[in-house]
């Protein structure tokens, strides 16, 4: 007999698979990740960081990518002064590492993440374009990401499809290393 957790996870996998299929087949996005981030009222700090690291062309013309996009509120909780210091620094390598840690190559819908967790007994791991691992697991009905330092972020808005990938809004900034 399977534990209740596995039954819940399998049920969520099926539900997200059906919902994602319906969404993917009924919508066609015409704007890139960069274009939609520019227009977002909730991702001004993220776009400023992408622009400061000169990554907007990559997120506009390449892909597909999955972006785990911290909201502006998440960046403010992280540290306004730290973000300001990173964005105003002449050396943008630390900021680029931070931004790159929120991006995974490929199109990972919520149902893809859940399927990976089903195969991994409740856990999944993804490699970011920055080169470090990012893990995912469930807490209740939420997909939670954990960075190598132990910080966590919940996906608060999933599957915002773009012409070159997908954006999942998260409630915290995740870090490739201690900053």
C-alpha atoms as a PDB file:
ATOM      1  CA  UNK A   1       0.000   0.000   0.000  1.00  0.00           C
ATOM      2  CA  UNK A   2       1.350   3.399  -0.960  1.00  0.00           C
ATOM      3  CA  UNK A   3       1.618   6.126   1.676  1.00  0.00           C
ATOM      4  CA  UNK A   4      -0.954   8.944   1.351  1.00  0.00           C
ATOM      5  CA  UNK A   5       1.775  11.377   0.240  1.00  0.00           C
ATOM      6  CA  UNK A   6       2.462   9.353  -2.887  1.00  0.00           C
ATOM      7  CA  UNK A   7      -1.253   9.126  -3.690  1.00  0.00           C
ATOM      8  CA  UNK A   8      -1.612  12.899  -3.342  1.00  0.00           C
ATOM      9  CA  UNK A   9       1.495  13.509  -5.449  1.00  0.00           C
ATOM     10  CA  UNK A  10       0.314  11.118  -8.166  1.00  0.00           C
ATOM     11  CA  UNK A  11      -3.124  12.791  -8.161  1.00  0.00           C
ATOM     12  CA  UNK A  12      -1.520  16.217  -8.482  1.00  0.00           C
ATOM     13  CA  UNK A  13       0.699  14.936 -11.298  1.00  0.00           C
ATOM     14  CA  UNK A  14      -2.364  13.772 -13.215  1.00  0.00           C
ATOM     15  CA  UNK A  15      -4.346  16.967 -12.522  1.00  0.00           C
ATOM     16  CA  UNK A  16      -1.475  19.242 -13.562  1.00  0.00           C
ATOM     17  CA  UNK A  17      -0.830  17.133 -16.671  1.00  0.00           C
ATOM     18  CA  UNK A  18      -4.441  17.503 -17.817  1.00  0.00           C
ATOM     19  CA  UNK A  19      -4.547  21.228 -16.959  1.00  0.00           C
ATOM     20  CA  UNK A  20      -1.189  21.909 -18.639  1.00  0.00           C
ATOM     21  CA  UNK A  21      -2.237  20.031 -21.772  1.00  0.00           C
ATOM     22  CA  UNK A  22      -5.453  22.073 -21.959  1.00  0.00           C
ATOM     23  CA  UNK A  23      -3.535  25.320 -21.435  1.00  0.00           C
ATOM     24  CA  UNK A  24      -0.779  24.465 -23.937  1.00  0.00           C
ATOM     25  CA  UNK A  25      -3.226  23.483 -26.643  1.00  0.00           C
ATOM     26  CA  UNK A  26      -5.498  26.484 -26.154  1.00  0.00           C
ATOM     27  CA  UNK A  27      -2.965  29.324 -26.015  1.00  0.00           C
ATOM     28  CA  UNK A  28      -0.144  30.555 -28.168  1.00  0.00           C
ATOM     29  CA  UNK A  29       2.113  33.243 -26.704  1.00  0.00           C
ATOM     30  CA  UNK A  30       3.537  35.783 -29.105  1.00  0.00           C
ATOM     31  CA  UNK A  31       5.964  37.636 -26.811  1.00  0.00           C
ATOM     32  CA  UNK A  32       9.319  36.545 -25.438  1.00  0.00           C
ATOM     33  CA  UNK A  33      10.342  36.234 -21.806  1.00  0.00           C
ATOM     34  CA  UNK A  34      12.072  39.619 -22.005  1.00  0.00           C
ATOM     35  CA  UNK A  35       9.112  41.380 -23.638  1.00  0.00           C
ATOM     36  CA  UNK A  36       6.657  40.059 -21.042  1.00  0.00           C
ATOM     37  CA  UNK A  37       9.010  40.814 -18.137  1.00  0.00           C
ATOM     38  CA  UNK A  38       9.346  44.428 -19.318  1.00  0.00           C
ATOM     39  CA  UNK A  39       5.551  44.765 -19.257  1.00  0.00           C
ATOM     40  CA  UNK A  40       5.080  43.104 -15.855  1.00  0.00           C
ATOM     41  CA  UNK A  41       4.205  45.261 -12.861  1.00  0.00           C
ATOM     42  CA  UNK A  42       5.563  42.573 -10.503  1.00  0.00           C
ATOM     43  CA  UNK A  43       9.037  42.014 -11.977  1.00  0.00           C
ATOM     44  CA  UNK A  44      10.654  45.449 -12.338  1.00  0.00           C
ATOM     45  CA  UNK A  45      13.658  44.502 -10.177  1.00  0.00           C
ATOM     46  CA  UNK A  46      14.162  41.246 -12.073  1.00  0.00           C
ATOM     47  CA  UNK A  47      14.084  43.052 -15.407  1.00  0.00           C
ATOM     48  CA  UNK A  48      16.558  45.669 -14.117  1.00  0.00           C
ATOM     49  CA  UNK A  49      18.894  42.830 -13.076  1.00  0.00           C
ATOM     50  CA  UNK A  50      18.500  41.081 -16.455  1.00  0.00           C
ATOM     51  CA  UNK A  51      19.256  44.346 -18.232  1.00  0.00           C
ATOM     52  CA  UNK A  52      22.251  45.143 -15.982  1.00  0.00           C
ATOM     53  CA  UNK A  53      23.753  41.731 -16.798  1.00  0.00           C
ATOM     54  CA  UNK A  54      23.063  42.185 -20.529  1.00  0.00           C
ATOM     55  CA  UNK A  55      20.989  38.979 -20.612  1.00  0.00           C
ATOM     56  CA  UNK A  56      17.875  40.509 -22.197  1.00  0.00           C
ATOM     57  CA  UNK A  57      18.904  39.504 -25.744  1.00  0.00           C
ATOM     58  CA  UNK A  58      19.390  35.893 -24.645  1.00  0.00           C
ATOM     59  CA  UNK A  59      15.964  35.794 -22.979  1.00  0.00           C
ATOM     60  CA  UNK A  60      14.432  37.556 -25.980  1.00  0.00           C
ATOM     61  CA  UNK A  61      15.851  35.582 -28.901  1.00  0.00           C
ATOM     62  CA  UNK A  62      17.004  32.214 -27.493  1.00  0.00           C
ATOM     63  CA  UNK A  63      15.314  29.436 -25.620  1.00  0.00           C
ATOM     64  CA  UNK A  64      13.311  27.714 -24.552  1.00  0.00           C
ATOM     65  CA  UNK A  65      13.954  28.691 -20.942  1.00  0.00           C
ATOM     66  CA  UNK A  66      12.165  28.262 -17.658  1.00  0.00           C
ATOM     67  CA  UNK A  67      12.469  31.341 -15.457  1.00  0.00           C
ATOM     68  CA  UNK A  68      11.721  31.114 -11.749  1.00  0.00           C
ATOM     69  CA  UNK A  69      10.962  34.813 -11.411  1.00  0.00           C
ATOM     70  CA  UNK A  70      11.095  36.385  -7.959  1.00  0.00           C
ATOM     71  CA  UNK A  71       8.461  39.080  -7.579  1.00  0.00           C
ATOM     72  CA  UNK A  72       9.534  42.590  -6.621  1.00  0.00           C
ATOM     73  CA  UNK A  73       8.287  41.844  -3.079  1.00  0.00           C
ATOM     74  CA  UNK A  74      10.629  38.808  -2.980  1.00  0.00           C
ATOM     75  CA  UNK A  75      13.598  40.962  -3.993  1.00  0.00           C
ATOM     76  CA  UNK A  76      12.686  43.551  -1.331  1.00  0.00           C
ATOM     77  CA  UNK A  77      12.592  40.792   1.329  1.00  0.00           C
ATOM     78  CA  UNK A  78      15.961  39.534   0.054  1.00  0.00           C
ATOM     79  CA  UNK A  79      17.624  42.927   0.534  1.00  0.00           C
ATOM     80  CA  UNK A  80      17.153  46.224  -1.240  1.00  0.00           C
ATOM     81  CA  UNK A  81      20.676  47.295  -0.334  1.00  0.00           C
ATOM     82  CA  UNK A  82      22.243  44.037  -1.555  1.00  0.00           C
ATOM     83  CA  UNK A  83      20.414  44.267  -4.908  1.00  0.00           C
ATOM     84  CA  UNK A  84      21.385  47.922  -5.264  1.00  0.00           C
ATOM     85  CA  UNK A  85      25.031  47.054  -4.530  1.00  0.00           C
ATOM     86  CA  UNK A  86      24.977  44.179  -7.068  1.00  0.00           C
ATOM     87  CA  UNK A  87      23.356  46.312  -9.779  1.00  0.00           C
ATOM     88  CA  UNK A  88      25.663  49.286  -9.265  1.00  0.00           C
ATOM     89  CA  UNK A  89      28.855  47.237  -9.105  1.00  0.00           C
ATOM     90  CA  UNK A  90      31.296  47.529 -12.002  1.00  0.00           C
ATOM     91  CA  UNK A  91      31.762  43.744 -11.830  1.00  0.00           C
ATOM     92  CA  UNK A  92      28.398  42.188 -12.709  1.00  0.00           C
ATOM     93  CA  UNK A  93      29.565  38.554 -12.294  1.00  0.00           C
ATOM     94  CA  UNK A  94      27.830  38.063  -8.929  1.00  0.00           C
ATOM     95  CA  UNK A  95      24.591  39.596 -10.234  1.00  0.00           C
ATOM     96  CA  UNK A  96      24.808  37.480 -13.401  1.00  0.00           C
ATOM     97  CA  UNK A  97      25.298  34.380 -11.242  1.00  0.00           C
ATOM     98  CA  UNK A  98      22.219  35.307  -9.202  1.00  0.00           C
ATOM     99  CA  UNK A  99      20.052  35.927 -12.283  1.00  0.00           C
ATOM    100  CA  UNK A 100      21.330  32.790 -14.038  1.00  0.00           C
ATOM    101  CA  UNK A 101      20.465  30.691 -11.007  1.00  0.00           C
ATOM    102  CA  UNK A 102      16.782  31.505 -11.593  1.00  0.00           C
ATOM    103  CA  UNK A 103      16.860  30.164 -15.183  1.00  0.00           C
ATOM    104  CA  UNK A 104      16.784  26.552 -16.395  1.00  0.00           C
ATOM    105  CA  UNK A 105      17.279  25.615 -20.047  1.00  0.00           C
ATOM    106  CA  UNK A 106      14.148  24.003 -21.470  1.00  0.00           C
ATOM    107  CA  UNK A 107      10.435  24.438 -21.019  1.00  0.00           C
ATOM    108  CA  UNK A 108       9.527  23.093 -17.554  1.00  0.00           C
ATOM    109  CA  UNK A 109       5.810  23.450 -17.004  1.00  0.00           C
ATOM    110  CA  UNK A 110       4.432  22.767 -13.523  1.00  0.00           C
ATOM    111  CA  UNK A 111       3.254  19.379 -14.767  1.00  0.00           C
ATOM    112  CA  UNK A 112       6.791  18.584 -16.016  1.00  0.00           C
ATOM    113  CA  UNK A 113       8.179  19.494 -12.594  1.00  0.00           C
ATOM    114  CA  UNK A 114       5.544  17.338 -10.878  1.00  0.00           C
ATOM    115  CA  UNK A 115       6.267  14.400 -13.192  1.00  0.00           C
ATOM    116  CA  UNK A 116       9.966  14.687 -12.361  1.00  0.00           C
ATOM    117  CA  UNK A 117       9.066  14.675  -8.657  1.00  0.00           C
ATOM    118  CA  UNK A 118       6.892  11.576  -9.197  1.00  0.00           C
ATOM    119  CA  UNK A 119       9.865   9.795 -10.795  1.00  0.00           C
ATOM    120  CA  UNK A 120      12.136  10.986  -7.967  1.00  0.00           C
ATOM    121  CA  UNK A 121       9.955   9.838  -5.050  1.00  0.00           C
ATOM    122  CA  UNK A 122       8.805  13.346  -4.225  1.00  0.00           C
ATOM    123  CA  UNK A 123      11.952  15.258  -5.200  1.00  0.00           C
ATOM    124  CA  UNK A 124      13.426  16.549  -8.447  1.00  0.00           C
ATOM    125  CA  UNK A 125      16.639  18.332  -9.322  1.00  0.00           C
ATOM    126  CA  UNK A 126      17.320  20.733 -12.182  1.00  0.00           C
ATOM    127  CA  UNK A 127      20.554  22.351 -13.373  1.00  0.00           C
ATOM    128  CA  UNK A 128      20.364  26.094 -13.868  1.00  0.00           C
ATOM    129  CA  UNK A 129      22.141  27.932 -16.679  1.00  0.00           C
ATOM    130  CA  UNK A 130      24.431  29.208 -13.936  1.00  0.00           C
ATOM    131  CA  UNK A 131      25.577  25.594 -13.462  1.00  0.00           C
ATOM    132  CA  UNK A 132      24.292  24.783  -9.974  1.00  0.00           C
ATOM    133  CA  UNK A 133      21.527  22.402  -8.930  1.00  0.00           C
ATOM    134  CA  UNK A 134      18.090  23.548  -7.847  1.00  0.00           C
ATOM    135  CA  UNK A 135      15.816  21.033  -6.152  1.00  0.00           C
ATOM    136  CA  UNK A 136      12.026  20.876  -6.044  1.00  0.00           C
ATOM    137  CA  UNK A 137       9.648  19.149  -3.648  1.00  0.00           C
ATOM    138  CA  UNK A 138       6.080  19.502  -2.448  1.00  0.00           C
ATOM    139  CA  UNK A 139       4.917  21.202   0.732  1.00  0.00           C
ATOM    140  CA  UNK A 140       1.185  20.697   0.919  1.00  0.00           C
ATOM    141  CA  UNK A 141      -0.076  21.619  -2.541  1.00  0.00           C
ATOM    142  CA  UNK A 142       2.849  23.954  -3.306  1.00  0.00           C
ATOM    143  CA  UNK A 143       5.939  23.264  -5.384  1.00  0.00           C
ATOM    144  CA  UNK A 144       8.881  24.488  -3.318  1.00  0.00           C
ATOM    145  CA  UNK A 145      12.365  25.140  -4.705  1.00  0.00           C
ATOM    146  CA  UNK A 146      15.453  24.774  -2.515  1.00  0.00           C
ATOM    147  CA  UNK A 147      18.870  26.211  -3.305  1.00  0.00           C
ATOM    148  CA  UNK A 148      22.268  24.776  -2.198  1.00  0.00           C
ATOM    149  CA  UNK A 149      22.327  27.170   0.771  1.00  0.00           C
ATOM    150  CA  UNK A 150      18.962  25.908   2.075  1.00  0.00           C
ATOM    151  CA  UNK A 151      16.780  28.882   1.098  1.00  0.00           C
ATOM    152  CA  UNK A 152      13.329  27.995  -0.194  1.00  0.00           C
ATOM    153  CA  UNK A 153      10.865  29.638  -2.594  1.00  0.00           C
ATOM    154  CA  UNK A 154       7.298  28.641  -3.383  1.00  0.00           C
ATOM    155  CA  UNK A 155       5.908  28.846  -6.873  1.00  0.00           C
ATOM    156  CA  UNK A 156       3.022  31.296  -6.432  1.00  0.00           C
ATOM    157  CA  UNK A 157       2.025  31.615 -10.103  1.00  0.00           C
ATOM    158  CA  UNK A 158       2.816  28.767 -12.472  1.00  0.00           C
ATOM    159  CA  UNK A 159       2.898  28.275 -16.221  1.00  0.00           C
ATOM    160  CA  UNK A 160       2.975  31.797 -17.610  1.00  0.00           C
ATOM    161  CA  UNK A 161       3.774  30.659 -21.133  1.00  0.00           C
ATOM    162  CA  UNK A 162       6.017  32.701 -23.420  1.00  0.00           C
ATOM    163  CA  UNK A 163       6.988  32.172 -27.034  1.00  0.00           C
ATOM    164  CA  UNK A 164      10.424  31.001 -25.872  1.00  0.00           C
ATOM    165  CA  UNK A 165       9.668  29.297 -22.575  1.00  0.00           C
ATOM    166  CA  UNK A 166       7.709  29.612 -19.370  1.00  0.00           C
ATOM    167  CA  UNK A 167       7.810  31.806 -16.280  1.00  0.00           C
ATOM    168  CA  UNK A 168       6.910  30.645 -12.764  1.00  0.00           C
ATOM    169  CA  UNK A 169       6.645  33.466 -10.227  1.00  0.00           C
ATOM    170  CA  UNK A 170       8.271  32.629  -6.883  1.00  0.00           C
ATOM    171  CA  UNK A 171       7.933  34.278  -3.479  1.00  0.00           C
ATOM    172  CA  UNK A 172      11.648  34.398  -2.519  1.00  0.00           C
ATOM    173  CA  UNK A 173      15.038  34.915  -4.082  1.00  0.00           C
ATOM    174  CA  UNK A 174      17.063  31.703  -4.314  1.00  0.00           C
ATOM    175  CA  UNK A 175      20.849  31.776  -4.296  1.00  0.00           C
ATOM    176  CA  UNK A 176      23.586  29.725  -5.995  1.00  0.00           C
ATOM    177  CA  UNK A 177      25.928  30.408  -3.037  1.00  0.00           C
ATOM    178  CA  UNK A 178      25.842  32.335   0.195  1.00  0.00           C
ATOM    179  CA  UNK A 179      25.714  36.064  -0.644  1.00  0.00           C
END
